[in-house]
């Protein structure tokens, strides 16, 4: 039966991933702790006086700076501070809400940012919205069978973390998740409506261990399957707890 194999969140958009065992999803909200913060670049239109959701183009991201893909994160349960690690940087622990810490973050991330493009300028957040890749508060699902189909197309192993999904699910047929669009699924105690496929960009070309672009995932999707989708975006329609190992049931 289809089930949740892994749960991931990204405390700072495009700047580190963190695995968790369970989450408490809330109706109409993104995953708790996911993309709470983002890194506005030097020409960002993000309005610090009236902060709200902004599109990806206003932020530093892996599609432009692939080395960011290799950042991992760990949130300290007692303090909420975040420790960031990268193979080419010394670990950094910050409270993103602390101005002094936020100022330390920018020089830390600058050397692994693409210097020929827009450079990181400041950490930002919106009080009630996550900086999801969609214009609505979403939770993303990656079908590991679809991931394995891409691996077979390329002829070698890939980390599923390239897709930067929230819920990695197993027990499905390849691309079965694309047939769920418009349907609702129950996962643990929560329910999610499948809104749309996830269109992929160059961020997935970067190796999550090294941050180096080492495979053309977009060509593999186009040539092998006739599209550039991998995974789906969902909206939480019923509040509930979700745990690693929970089964997934298609309701309608």
Protein backbone atom coordinates (compact mmCIF):
# COMPACT_ATOMS: atom_id res chain seq x y z
CA UNK A 1 0.00 0.00 0.00
CA UNK A 2 1.15 3.54 -0.66
CA UNK A 3 2.80 5.07 2.38
CA UNK A 4 4.98 7.96 3.55
CA UNK A 5 8.61 6.85 3.38
CA UNK A 6 10.23 10.14 4.46
CA UNK A 7 9.19 13.63 5.56
CA UNK A 8 11.32 16.68 4.74
CA UNK A 9 11.11 20.40 5.39
CA UNK A 10 13.26 23.33 4.30
CA UNK A 11 13.41 25.98 7.06
CA UNK A 12 15.07 28.54 4.74
CA UNK A 13 13.85 28.32 1.16
CA UNK A 14 16.56 26.75 -1.07
CA UNK A 15 19.03 26.87 1.84
CA UNK A 16 18.97 23.54 3.61
CA UNK A 17 16.78 20.48 4.08
CA UNK A 18 15.83 18.74 7.31
CA UNK A 19 14.26 15.33 7.86
CA UNK A 20 11.55 14.91 10.50
CA UNK A 21 9.53 11.92 11.71
CA UNK A 22 6.14 13.59 12.04
CA UNK A 23 4.30 16.84 11.45
CA UNK A 24 0.99 18.39 12.49
CA UNK A 25 -0.59 19.68 9.30
CA UNK A 26 -3.13 22.50 9.45
CA UNK A 27 -5.90 23.20 6.98
CA UNK A 28 -4.85 25.81 4.44
CA UNK A 29 -1.26 25.99 5.68
CA UNK A 30 2.09 24.78 4.42
CA UNK A 31 4.06 22.19 6.37
CA UNK A 32 5.12 23.58 9.77
CA UNK A 33 8.73 24.76 9.62
CA UNK A 34 8.90 24.56 5.82
CA UNK A 35 10.14 27.58 3.84
CA UNK A 36 9.41 29.88 6.77
CA UNK A 37 12.36 32.04 5.75
CA UNK A 38 13.73 33.01 2.36
CA UNK A 39 16.80 34.86 1.13
CA UNK A 40 15.90 38.02 -0.76
CA UNK A 41 18.46 38.94 -3.41
CA UNK A 42 19.83 42.41 -4.10
CA UNK A 43 17.04 43.32 -6.55
CA UNK A 44 14.18 41.57 -4.80
CA UNK A 45 10.73 43.21 -4.75
CA UNK A 46 10.04 41.80 -1.29
CA UNK A 47 8.41 44.56 0.81
CA UNK A 48 9.77 44.43 4.35
CA UNK A 49 7.12 46.95 5.47
CA UNK A 50 4.26 44.79 4.19
CA UNK A 51 5.71 41.27 4.04
CA UNK A 52 3.77 38.59 2.23
CA UNK A 53 4.24 35.70 -0.16
CA UNK A 54 6.48 36.53 -3.13
CA UNK A 55 7.32 34.43 -6.22
CA UNK A 56 10.56 32.47 -6.51
CA UNK A 57 12.22 35.10 -8.69
CA UNK A 58 12.56 37.43 -5.70
CA UNK A 59 14.79 34.97 -3.82
CA UNK A 60 18.14 33.22 -4.02
CA UNK A 61 17.49 29.66 -5.17
CA UNK A 62 19.17 26.47 -6.31
CA UNK A 63 18.17 26.89 -9.95
CA UNK A 64 20.54 29.88 -10.13
CA UNK A 65 23.07 28.90 -7.45
CA UNK A 66 23.33 25.09 -7.60
CA UNK A 67 25.82 24.85 -4.71
CA UNK A 68 23.00 25.80 -2.35
CA UNK A 69 21.53 22.35 -3.03
CA UNK A 70 24.18 20.80 -0.75
CA UNK A 71 23.10 22.70 2.38
CA UNK A 72 21.55 20.65 5.18
CA UNK A 73 19.72 22.09 8.17
CA UNK A 74 18.90 21.11 11.73
CA UNK A 75 16.45 23.00 13.92
CA UNK A 76 17.25 22.99 17.63
CA UNK A 77 14.02 21.91 19.40
CA UNK A 78 14.60 23.98 22.54
CA UNK A 79 15.61 27.27 20.94
CA UNK A 80 14.37 27.19 17.34
CA UNK A 81 17.88 28.07 16.16
CA UNK A 82 18.97 26.52 12.86
CA UNK A 83 22.35 24.91 12.22
CA UNK A 84 23.36 24.99 8.55
CA UNK A 85 26.00 22.69 7.08
CA UNK A 86 27.67 22.60 3.66
CA UNK A 87 30.69 20.59 2.47
CA UNK A 88 32.57 23.80 1.62
CA UNK A 89 31.63 25.90 4.66
CA UNK A 90 32.07 25.75 8.42
CA UNK A 91 28.78 25.00 10.19
CA UNK A 92 26.73 28.05 11.13
CA UNK A 93 24.08 28.23 13.86
CA UNK A 94 21.67 31.16 13.72
CA UNK A 95 18.35 32.46 14.93
CA UNK A 96 16.99 33.91 11.66
CA UNK A 97 14.82 36.34 13.61
CA UNK A 98 17.87 37.79 15.35
CA UNK A 99 19.29 40.68 13.33
CA UNK A 100 22.90 40.00 14.32
CA UNK A 101 22.56 36.33 13.39
CA UNK A 102 20.89 37.22 10.11
CA UNK A 103 23.83 39.49 9.31
CA UNK A 104 26.23 36.59 9.91
CA UNK A 105 24.26 34.40 7.52
CA UNK A 106 24.81 36.55 4.41
CA UNK A 107 28.64 36.33 4.37
CA UNK A 108 28.35 32.62 5.18
CA UNK A 109 26.20 31.89 2.12
CA UNK A 110 27.86 34.38 -0.26
CA UNK A 111 30.79 32.09 -1.30
CA UNK A 112 28.40 29.33 -2.39
CA UNK A 113 26.08 31.71 -4.25
CA UNK A 114 26.42 32.43 -7.96
CA UNK A 115 28.43 35.64 -8.12
CA UNK A 116 27.49 36.33 -11.75
CA UNK A 117 23.80 36.54 -10.86
CA UNK A 118 21.78 38.37 -8.20
CA UNK A 119 23.51 38.05 -4.82
CA UNK A 120 21.85 37.31 -1.47
CA UNK A 121 20.97 40.44 0.50
CA UNK A 122 18.84 39.59 3.57
CA UNK A 123 16.78 36.94 5.31
CA UNK A 124 13.03 37.65 5.14
CA UNK A 125 9.77 36.06 6.16
CA UNK A 126 6.03 36.67 5.97
CA UNK A 127 4.27 36.35 9.35
CA UNK A 128 1.49 34.01 8.24
CA UNK A 129 2.72 32.51 4.97
CA UNK A 130 5.45 30.12 3.94
CA UNK A 131 7.48 31.01 0.85
CA UNK A 132 6.24 27.98 -1.07
CA UNK A 133 6.97 27.63 -4.77
CA UNK A 134 3.24 28.05 -5.43
CA UNK A 135 0.97 31.06 -4.98
CA UNK A 136 -0.94 29.07 -2.36
CA UNK A 137 0.25 27.35 0.80
CA UNK A 138 1.28 23.94 -0.47
CA UNK A 139 2.75 20.63 0.64
CA UNK A 140 4.61 18.71 -2.06
CA UNK A 141 4.61 14.96 -2.70
CA UNK A 142 7.31 12.98 -4.52
CA UNK A 143 6.50 9.49 -5.79
CA UNK A 144 9.64 7.39 -5.31
CA UNK A 145 8.53 5.05 -8.11
CA UNK A 146 8.57 8.00 -10.52
CA UNK A 147 11.99 8.93 -9.18
CA UNK A 148 13.23 5.40 -9.88
CA UNK A 149 11.84 5.65 -13.42
CA UNK A 150 14.01 8.74 -13.95
CA UNK A 151 17.00 6.83 -12.55
CA UNK A 152 16.34 4.03 -15.05
CA UNK A 153 16.08 6.54 -17.89
CA UNK A 154 19.47 8.01 -16.93
CA UNK A 155 21.09 4.65 -16.18
CA UNK A 156 22.41 5.50 -12.72
CA UNK A 157 21.31 6.25 -9.16
CA UNK A 158 20.08 9.67 -8.08
CA UNK A 159 19.17 11.03 -4.68
CA UNK A 160 15.44 11.75 -4.41
CA UNK A 161 16.40 14.84 -2.41
CA UNK A 162 17.07 16.58 -5.74
CA UNK A 163 13.32 17.15 -5.99
CA UNK A 164 13.13 19.03 -2.65
CA UNK A 165 9.77 17.47 -1.77
CA UNK A 166 8.01 17.40 1.58
CA UNK A 167 6.55 13.89 1.50
CA UNK A 168 8.45 11.09 -0.23
CA UNK A 169 5.94 8.30 -0.81
CA UNK A 170 6.40 4.70 -1.88
CA UNK A 171 4.17 1.81 -2.94
CA UNK A 172 2.80 3.46 -6.10
CA UNK A 173 3.27 2.90 -9.82
CA UNK A 174 5.51 5.36 -11.68
CA UNK A 175 3.67 8.61 -12.40
CA UNK A 176 0.55 7.43 -10.58
CA UNK A 177 0.64 10.67 -8.59
CA UNK A 178 -0.13 12.64 -11.75
CA UNK A 179 -3.47 10.79 -11.97
CA UNK A 180 -4.39 12.15 -8.53
CA UNK A 181 -4.71 15.77 -9.67
CA UNK A 182 -8.13 17.05 -8.57
CA UNK A 183 -8.53 14.24 -6.03
CA UNK A 184 -8.21 14.19 -2.24
CA UNK A 185 -5.98 11.81 -0.30
CA UNK A 186 -5.90 10.91 3.37
CA UNK A 187 -2.43 10.70 4.89
CA UNK A 188 -2.38 9.83 8.57
CA UNK A 189 -5.08 11.98 10.17
CA UNK A 190 -4.79 14.74 7.56
CA UNK A 191 -6.40 15.16 4.16
CA UNK A 192 -4.80 16.85 1.17
CA UNK A 193 -6.23 17.93 -2.17
CA UNK A 194 -3.90 17.25 -5.11
CA UNK A 195 -3.79 20.56 -6.98
CA UNK A 196 -1.28 20.26 -9.83
CA UNK A 197 1.88 18.54 -11.08
CA UNK A 198 5.22 20.00 -10.08
CA UNK A 199 7.00 21.50 -13.09
CA UNK A 200 10.74 21.06 -12.71
CA UNK A 201 13.60 23.52 -13.17
CA UNK A 202 17.41 23.38 -13.24
CA UNK A 203 17.62 23.09 -9.44
CA UNK A 204 17.19 19.32 -9.85
CA UNK A 205 20.35 19.10 -11.95
CA UNK A 206 22.48 19.73 -8.85
CA UNK A 207 23.74 16.89 -6.67
CA UNK A 208 22.43 17.34 -3.09
CA UNK A 209 25.69 15.97 -1.68
CA UNK A 210 28.10 18.21 -3.62
CA UNK A 211 26.04 21.06 -5.06
CA UNK A 212 27.52 20.37 -8.50
CA UNK A 213 25.36 20.11 -11.61
CA UNK A 214 26.02 16.55 -12.74
CA UNK A 215 22.93 15.30 -14.59
CA UNK A 216 20.35 16.73 -17.01
CA UNK A 217 17.17 15.77 -15.20
CA UNK A 218 14.99 17.96 -17.43
CA UNK A 219 16.19 16.21 -20.58
CA UNK A 220 15.61 12.84 -18.93
CA UNK A 221 12.03 13.79 -18.12
CA UNK A 222 11.33 15.23 -21.57
CA UNK A 223 13.01 12.46 -23.57
CA UNK A 224 11.79 9.57 -21.45
CA UNK A 225 8.32 10.65 -20.42
CA UNK A 226 7.27 13.60 -22.57
CA UNK A 227 7.02 16.14 -19.75
CA UNK A 228 9.08 17.92 -17.10
CA UNK A 229 6.86 17.00 -14.12
CA UNK A 230 7.97 15.12 -11.04
CA UNK A 231 5.69 15.12 -8.02
CA UNK A 232 2.56 17.07 -7.19
CA UNK A 233 1.57 20.09 -5.13
CA UNK A 234 -1.21 19.68 -2.59
CA UNK A 235 -3.29 21.81 -0.24
CA UNK A 236 -4.19 20.63 3.27
CA UNK A 237 -7.98 20.42 3.47
CA UNK A 238 -8.25 18.70 6.86
CA UNK A 239 -6.05 19.31 9.88
CA UNK A 240 -4.29 16.26 11.28
CA UNK A 241 -1.07 14.59 12.37
CA UNK A 242 1.07 12.84 9.79
CA UNK A 243 3.88 10.41 10.56
CA UNK A 244 6.55 8.54 8.66
CA UNK A 245 5.07 5.18 7.67
CA UNK A 246 1.45 6.40 7.48
CA UNK A 247 -0.62 4.91 4.67
CA UNK A 248 -2.06 7.01 1.86
CA UNK A 249 -5.66 6.51 0.78
CA UNK A 250 -7.23 8.13 -2.28
CA UNK A 251 -10.69 9.34 -1.18
CA UNK A 252 -12.13 10.82 -4.36
